Protein backbone atom coordinates (compact mmCIF):
# COMPACT_ATOMS: atom_id res chain seq x y z
CA MET A 1 -17.51 -2.14 1.57
CA TYR A 2 -14.37 -3.97 1.05
CA ASN A 3 -16.04 -6.70 -0.51
CA ILE A 4 -13.05 -7.90 -2.51
CA PRO A 5 -9.70 -8.57 -0.24
CA TYR A 6 -6.74 -6.17 -1.11
CA HIS A 7 -4.31 -9.00 0.25
CA THR A 8 -3.49 -12.39 0.36
CA GLN A 9 -1.68 -13.02 3.57
CA ASP A 10 -2.59 -14.58 5.92
CA LEU A 11 -3.12 -11.92 9.08
CA SER A 12 -5.13 -13.95 11.51
CA GLN A 13 -1.36 -14.09 13.51
CA SER A 14 -0.94 -10.21 12.31
CA THR A 15 -1.16 -7.01 15.28
CA PHE A 16 -1.71 -3.54 13.60
CA LEU A 17 -1.58 0.03 15.36
CA ILE A 18 -4.14 2.05 13.54
CA THR A 19 -2.46 5.63 14.87
CA GLY A 20 -5.63 8.57 14.22
CA GLY A 21 -8.04 5.24 13.52
CA ALA A 22 -11.43 6.76 15.10
CA GLY A 23 -10.45 9.38 12.38
CA PHE A 24 -12.27 8.77 8.59
CA ILE A 25 -8.83 6.94 6.73
CA GLY A 26 -7.59 5.49 9.88
CA SER A 27 -11.14 3.62 11.03
CA ASN A 28 -11.23 3.04 7.31
CA ILE A 29 -8.85 0.68 7.83
CA VAL A 30 -9.26 -0.42 10.84
CA GLU A 31 -12.45 -1.99 9.51
CA TYR A 32 -11.22 -3.50 6.49
CA LEU A 33 -8.88 -5.61 8.35
CA LEU A 34 -11.29 -6.69 11.30
CA LYS A 35 -13.46 -7.45 8.33
CA TYR A 36 -10.26 -10.07 7.09
CA GLY A 37 -9.80 -11.79 10.56
CA ALA A 38 -6.52 -9.33 11.90
CA GLY A 39 -5.57 -10.74 14.99
CA LYS A 40 -5.49 -7.55 16.42
CA VAL A 41 -6.14 -3.78 15.87
CA ARG A 42 -5.30 -1.60 17.95
CA VAL A 43 -6.18 2.54 17.46
CA LEU A 44 -4.53 5.31 18.78
CA ASP A 45 -6.35 8.30 18.69
CA ASN A 46 -7.23 11.30 20.48
CA PHE A 47 -10.48 12.50 19.76
CA SER A 48 -9.45 16.20 18.77
CA THR A 49 -10.96 15.13 14.69
CA GLY A 50 -11.94 11.55 15.52
CA THR A 51 -14.90 10.65 16.81
CA HIS A 52 -16.44 7.63 19.27
CA ALA A 53 -19.19 7.38 16.25
CA ASN A 54 -16.86 6.11 14.00
CA ILE A 55 -15.77 3.27 15.34
CA GLU A 56 -18.51 2.01 17.75
CA GLU A 57 -19.53 -0.30 16.16
CA PHE A 58 -15.90 -2.17 16.43
CA ARG A 59 -15.75 -2.36 20.19
CA SER A 60 -16.92 -5.10 20.96
CA HIS A 61 -14.98 -7.35 18.51
CA PRO A 62 -12.32 -9.53 20.33
CA ALA A 63 -9.22 -8.17 18.00
CA PHE A 64 -10.14 -4.96 18.75
CA GLU A 65 -8.50 -2.31 21.16
CA LEU A 66 -8.52 1.21 21.58
CA ILE A 67 -5.85 3.48 23.86
CA GLU A 68 -6.70 7.04 23.93
CA GLY A 69 -3.49 9.10 23.62
CA ASP A 70 -1.71 11.59 21.94
CA ILE A 71 1.12 11.09 19.76
CA ARG A 72 2.10 14.54 21.21
CA SER A 73 3.67 12.00 24.09
CA LEU A 74 6.77 9.75 23.10
CA GLU A 75 5.86 7.45 25.90
CA THR A 76 2.64 7.04 24.86
CA CYS A 77 3.78 5.75 21.16
CA ARG A 78 5.94 3.50 22.90
CA GLU A 79 2.82 1.85 24.65
CA ALA A 80 0.55 1.96 22.00
CA LEU A 81 3.30 0.21 19.78
CA GLN A 82 4.16 -2.79 21.84
CA GLY A 83 3.56 -6.36 20.50
CA ILE A 84 2.91 -4.24 16.92
CA ASP A 85 3.68 -5.87 13.62
CA PHE A 86 2.08 -2.91 11.64
CA VAL A 87 1.72 0.49 11.60
CA SER A 88 -0.20 2.71 9.48
CA HIS A 89 -0.23 5.78 10.96
CA GLN A 90 -3.10 8.46 9.62
CA ALA A 91 -3.60 10.74 12.70
CA ALA A 92 -2.12 14.28 12.46
CA LEU A 93 -4.16 17.90 11.99
CA GLY A 94 -5.43 17.70 8.15
CA SER A 95 -6.95 21.08 6.52
CA VAL A 96 -4.68 24.47 5.02
CA PRO A 97 -7.03 26.62 6.80
CA ARG A 98 -6.47 25.25 10.23
CA SER A 99 -2.77 24.80 9.71
CA ILE A 100 -3.07 29.12 8.53
CA ASN A 101 -4.96 29.91 11.92
CA ASP A 102 -3.08 27.44 13.84
CA PRO A 103 0.31 26.71 12.90
CA ILE A 104 2.23 26.27 16.13
CA THR A 105 -0.76 22.59 16.79
CA SER A 106 -0.60 22.28 13.34
CA ASN A 107 3.08 21.50 13.48
CA GLU A 108 3.14 19.99 17.33
CA VAL A 109 1.10 17.18 16.12
CA ASN A 110 2.01 16.67 12.50
CA VAL A 111 6.36 16.79 13.16
CA THR A 112 6.39 15.93 16.80
CA GLY A 113 3.83 13.80 16.62
CA PHE A 114 5.28 12.57 13.42
CA LEU A 115 9.15 12.04 15.27
CA ASN A 116 7.42 10.48 18.20
CA MET A 117 6.01 7.69 16.14
CA LEU A 118 8.97 6.85 13.93
CA VAL A 119 11.47 6.53 17.33
CA ALA A 120 9.56 4.05 18.97
CA ALA A 121 8.79 2.08 15.92
CA ARG A 122 11.83 2.50 15.15
CA ASP A 123 12.56 1.11 18.61
CA ALA A 124 9.91 -1.21 18.65
CA ARG A 125 11.51 -2.88 15.13
CA VAL A 126 8.04 -3.38 14.01
CA LYS A 127 7.63 -4.89 10.24
CA SER A 128 6.50 -1.97 8.91
CA PHE A 129 5.87 1.49 9.22
CA VAL A 130 3.13 3.28 6.48
CA TYR A 131 2.41 7.44 6.83
CA ALA A 132 0.10 9.52 5.68
CA ALA A 133 2.26 11.88 3.66
CA SER A 134 0.32 14.69 1.37
CA SER A 135 -0.38 16.04 -2.41
CA SER A 136 0.58 19.39 -0.93
CA THR A 137 3.94 18.32 -1.09
CA TYR A 138 3.69 19.20 -4.17
CA GLY A 139 3.02 23.19 -3.20
CA ASP A 140 3.45 25.37 -6.37
CA HIS A 141 5.36 23.06 -8.92
CA PRO A 142 3.00 23.66 -12.17
CA GLY A 143 3.48 20.37 -13.41
CA LEU A 144 0.92 17.95 -14.36
CA PRO A 145 0.88 15.31 -13.90
CA LYS A 146 1.92 15.10 -10.19
CA VAL A 147 5.16 12.95 -10.80
CA GLU A 148 7.09 11.64 -7.12
CA ASP A 149 9.90 13.83 -7.47
CA LYS A 150 9.02 16.62 -8.50
CA ILE A 151 8.09 19.35 -5.81
CA GLY A 152 7.68 23.11 -5.60
CA ASN A 153 7.37 25.49 -2.68
CA PRO A 154 4.40 24.48 0.05
CA LEU A 155 2.00 27.42 0.06
CA SER A 156 0.63 26.73 4.08
CA PRO A 157 1.76 25.69 7.17
CA TYR A 158 0.22 22.02 7.07
CA ALA A 159 2.01 21.51 3.62
CA VAL A 160 5.39 21.87 5.30
CA THR A 161 4.32 19.48 7.97
CA LYS A 162 3.62 16.92 5.86
CA TYR A 163 7.23 17.54 3.60
CA VAL A 164 8.92 17.40 6.99
CA ASN A 165 7.81 13.77 7.71
CA GLU A 166 9.14 13.22 4.20
CA LEU A 167 12.09 14.61 5.28
CA TYR A 168 12.73 12.69 8.70
CA ALA A 169 11.25 9.35 7.02
CA SER A 170 13.90 9.83 4.75
CA VAL A 171 16.48 10.56 6.83
CA PHE A 172 15.73 7.88 9.19
CA SER A 173 16.10 5.55 6.17
CA LYS A 174 18.73 6.59 5.69
CA THR A 175 20.56 7.07 9.46
CA PHE A 176 19.22 4.00 10.79
CA ASP A 177 18.27 1.69 8.34
CA PHE A 178 14.44 2.40 8.67
CA HIS A 179 12.54 2.33 6.43
CA THR A 180 9.18 3.80 5.72
CA ILE A 181 6.69 4.50 2.70
CA GLY A 182 4.92 7.85 2.91
CA LEU A 183 1.01 7.51 0.51
CA ARG A 184 0.56 11.09 -1.14
CA TYR A 185 -3.41 11.38 -0.69
CA PHE A 186 -5.28 13.14 -3.33
CA ASN A 187 -8.19 14.81 -1.65
CA VAL A 188 -9.81 11.62 -0.06
CA PHE A 189 -13.36 11.05 0.56
CA GLY A 190 -16.46 9.32 1.38
CA PRO A 191 -18.03 6.92 4.41
CA LYS A 192 -17.18 8.45 7.97
CA GLN A 193 -15.87 11.62 6.98
CA ASN A 194 -17.17 14.41 9.10
CA PRO A 195 -19.93 17.05 7.31
CA LYS A 196 -19.57 19.08 10.73
CA GLY A 197 -17.07 21.85 11.68
CA PRO A 198 -14.90 25.01 9.85
CA TYR A 199 -13.04 22.80 8.50
CA ALA A 200 -15.04 19.91 7.04
CA ALA A 201 -13.34 19.08 3.23
CA VAL A 202 -15.17 19.75 0.12
CA ILE A 203 -17.34 16.15 -1.34
CA PRO A 204 -18.99 15.97 2.56
CA LEU A 205 -20.04 19.81 2.45
CA PHE A 206 -21.62 19.39 -0.85
CA ILE A 207 -23.47 16.58 -0.29
CA GLU A 208 -24.98 17.43 3.21
CA ALA A 209 -25.95 20.90 1.22
CA ALA A 210 -27.14 18.50 -1.34
CA LEU A 211 -29.42 16.33 1.71
CA GLN A 212 -30.51 19.71 3.37
CA GLN A 213 -31.70 21.73 -0.77
CA GLU A 214 -29.18 24.48 0.07
CA ALA A 215 -26.59 26.13 -2.33
CA PRO A 216 -23.57 25.15 -1.21
CA TYR A 217 -19.89 28.03 -1.15
CA ILE A 218 -17.52 26.96 -3.85
CA ASN A 219 -14.74 29.17 -3.22
CA GLY A 220 -13.36 30.73 -6.17
CA ASP A 221 -14.49 30.04 -10.32
CA GLY A 222 -15.73 26.28 -9.71
CA GLU A 223 -13.13 25.72 -11.93
CA THR A 224 -10.24 24.27 -9.51
CA SER A 225 -9.51 21.36 -10.11
CA ARG A 226 -8.49 18.06 -7.63
CA ASP A 227 -8.47 13.78 -8.06
CA PHE A 228 -10.72 13.37 -5.55
CA THR A 229 -9.73 9.55 -4.05
CA PHE A 230 -12.65 7.08 -3.24
CA VAL A 231 -11.46 6.16 0.56
CA GLU A 232 -11.21 2.41 -0.64
CA ASN A 233 -8.82 3.26 -2.79
CA ALA A 234 -6.72 4.81 0.22
CA VAL A 235 -7.92 1.55 2.23
CA GLN A 236 -6.04 -0.38 -0.50
CA ALA A 237 -3.04 1.63 -0.24
CA ASN A 238 -2.45 1.09 3.30
CA VAL A 239 -2.88 -2.79 3.63
CA LYS A 240 -0.56 -3.53 0.38
CA ALA A 241 1.60 -0.72 1.52
CA MET A 242 1.96 -2.72 5.16
CA LEU A 243 2.06 -5.73 4.21
CA VAL A 244 4.70 -5.30 0.39
CA GLU A 245 8.42 -7.21 1.40
CA ASN A 246 11.80 -6.25 0.29
CA VAL A 247 11.23 -2.36 0.87
CA LYS A 248 14.93 -1.35 1.04
CA GLN A 249 14.71 2.55 1.33
CA HIS A 250 12.31 5.10 2.22
CA GLU A 251 9.79 5.26 -0.45
CA VAL A 252 6.88 7.48 -1.50
CA VAL A 253 3.89 7.17 -3.49
CA ASN A 254 1.15 8.93 -4.81
CA ILE A 255 -2.60 7.94 -3.80
CA ALA A 256 -5.77 9.34 -6.38
CA PHE A 257 -7.91 7.75 -9.27
CA GLY A 258 -6.00 9.48 -11.69
CA GLU A 259 -8.73 12.19 -12.98
CA ARG A 260 -9.52 15.49 -12.69
CA THR A 261 -12.23 16.71 -11.75
CA THR A 262 -13.79 20.41 -11.45
CA LEU A 263 -15.64 21.66 -8.11
CA ASN A 264 -17.90 22.98 -10.66
CA GLN A 265 -18.67 19.41 -12.34
CA LEU A 266 -18.42 17.59 -8.67
CA TRP A 267 -21.47 19.57 -7.67
CA GLU A 268 -23.44 18.98 -11.14
CA ARG A 269 -22.68 15.15 -9.78
CA ILE A 270 -23.80 15.98 -6.57
CA ASN A 271 -26.86 17.15 -8.07
CA GLU A 272 -28.27 14.69 -9.89
CA ILE A 273 -27.32 12.01 -7.54
CA ALA A 274 -29.40 13.62 -5.06
CA GLY A 275 -32.44 14.39 -8.07
CA ILE A 276 -31.92 18.76 -7.23
CA ALA A 277 -30.83 21.26 -9.61
CA LEU A 278 -29.53 23.96 -7.71
CA LEU A 279 -26.72 26.51 -8.30
CA ALA A 280 -24.14 27.44 -6.32
CA GLU A 281 -23.10 30.50 -4.23
CA TYR A 282 -19.66 31.75 -5.48
CA ARG A 283 -17.44 33.70 -3.01
CA GLU A 284 -13.67 34.32 -2.83
CA GLU A 285 -10.44 32.32 -3.16
CA ARG A 286 -8.72 30.62 -0.35
CA LYS A 287 -5.32 30.66 0.56
CA GLY A 288 -2.76 28.73 0.47
CA ASP A 289 -5.51 26.79 -2.51
CA VAL A 290 -3.40 24.59 -5.43
CA ARG A 291 -5.46 25.54 -8.07
CA HIS A 292 -4.83 22.08 -10.30
CA SER A 293 -4.33 19.14 -9.07
CA LEU A 294 -3.35 15.68 -10.81
CA ALA A 295 -1.41 12.86 -9.86
CA ASP A 296 1.20 10.00 -11.97
CA ILE A 297 0.39 6.67 -10.09
CA SER A 298 2.04 4.76 -11.49
CA LYS A 299 4.61 4.60 -9.19
CA ALA A 300 2.52 3.13 -6.55
CA LYS A 301 1.36 0.66 -9.43
CA THR A 302 4.91 -0.42 -9.92
CA LEU A 303 5.89 -0.15 -6.29
CA ILE A 304 2.54 -1.53 -4.30
CA ASN A 305 0.72 -3.45 -6.72
CA TYR A 306 -1.93 -0.21 -5.79
CA LYS A 307 -5.11 -0.55 -8.48
CA PRO A 308 -7.74 2.04 -7.99
CA ALA A 309 -11.19 0.11 -8.08
CA PHE A 310 -13.45 2.81 -7.42
CA SER A 311 -13.68 5.98 -8.94
CA VAL A 312 -14.75 9.87 -8.15
CA HIS A 313 -18.28 9.42 -10.01
CA GLN A 314 -18.28 5.62 -8.27
CA GLY A 315 -17.21 7.04 -5.30
CA ILE A 316 -19.61 10.23 -4.83
CA GLN A 317 -22.64 7.25 -5.32
CA ILE A 318 -21.45 5.31 -2.50
CA ALA A 319 -20.63 8.42 -0.33
CA PHE A 320 -24.44 10.22 -0.88
CA HIS A 321 -26.62 7.07 0.14
CA TRP A 322 -24.23 6.48 2.95
CA TYR A 323 -24.69 10.16 3.91
CA LYS A 324 -28.05 10.39 3.77
CA ASN A 325 -28.71 6.97 6.04
CA ALA A 326 -26.09 7.33 8.63
CA LYS A 327 -27.49 11.59 8.41
CA PRO A 328 -28.73 10.38 12.68
CA ILE A 329 -24.93 10.02 13.21
CA TYR A 330 -23.33 13.00 12.30
CA GLN A 331 -26.59 15.28 13.78
CA LYS A 332 -24.93 14.41 17.18
CA LEU A 333 -20.86 15.03 16.45
C-alpha cells in the first residue's frame, strides 16, 4: 500500500511518536512513515490490543524504535516524547461493548492516558499533536451527515471517554496555547485489523467468516449503516494533520469516505469477492450502538487537504486478499 505520498515535506530530519503503534491504525501509520524516509519513528505500545505481528517487519529498520510501555504512566509518556517532533496518538481501548463491560479500564486508558500524553507533549514542546477521536461522540444526535459542531448525548462509556479527550484538548488549547487536531474516525477497517477476540470489528469478522465459509452473525436486522473508512484514508489524515501548518486552535475533523453502507450490503459485497453465497444469521441489537452514521468530510478537506482515495468497495477487496494471505499470522494471535 501507500504507493501515493500524502506529503511534500522532507521527513528525513523529523522524528515521530506513534502511540499504539503496534495496533491496527498505528502500525499502518508507522509503515507509511518508514516507507517515505522519516528520520525516526518511535512506537509506544503496551500490547494490550496491539500485536508484535503488526510491527515485526519494521524491527530491523534503522529508523524504527519501540518502547514497550503504558500511557497510564506519565513518566513513560515523558520518556517516549524525548526528542520527538510530531505525535500521532492512537493508543486507546476501543470497542463500545468492551467499555460497557469494563468502563473503569476504558476510562483509565482513554482519559487518564490521554491526559498524560497531552501534558507530556505540551511540556516537550512538540511541533504537532494529532489524536484519534471517534464518531461515537455524535451519540444520539439524529442528523445526517454528521457535522463536527453538532453532537448529541453519548451512548456508551467509550463515547464518553472520546468526548472527554476533545474537551481536554480544547481546554489545553485555550489555557496553554497548545493546539491539537482530533480525527473523528468513522469505522476504519483494513489490513492489520485483528479478526480475533470478543471485540473484533465487523469487517474482519465478516471476512474471517467468508474465508471459513461460515455464516456470520449480524446484530439487528442488518440495515444498520456505517460510513466505513479504509485504513489508508485514515493514514493520509494522520500524516496531513501532523504536518499541516498554522493550526491556531484545537480542531476536530471527521475522517471517513462520506458514503453509507448497511451491514447487509457489506456481507453481500464480501460474498461476491469470496465467490460464495452464504446467508447471515441475525441476532438482537447490541447496547450502545448507533443506528446510522454518515460523515460530512468538508472540514477535513479544507483544514488538512484530506482527499480519501479509497472507497468502501475498493478497501474491502484489498482487505479481503490481505487477510487471505496473512491468515497464518493471525491464527497465532
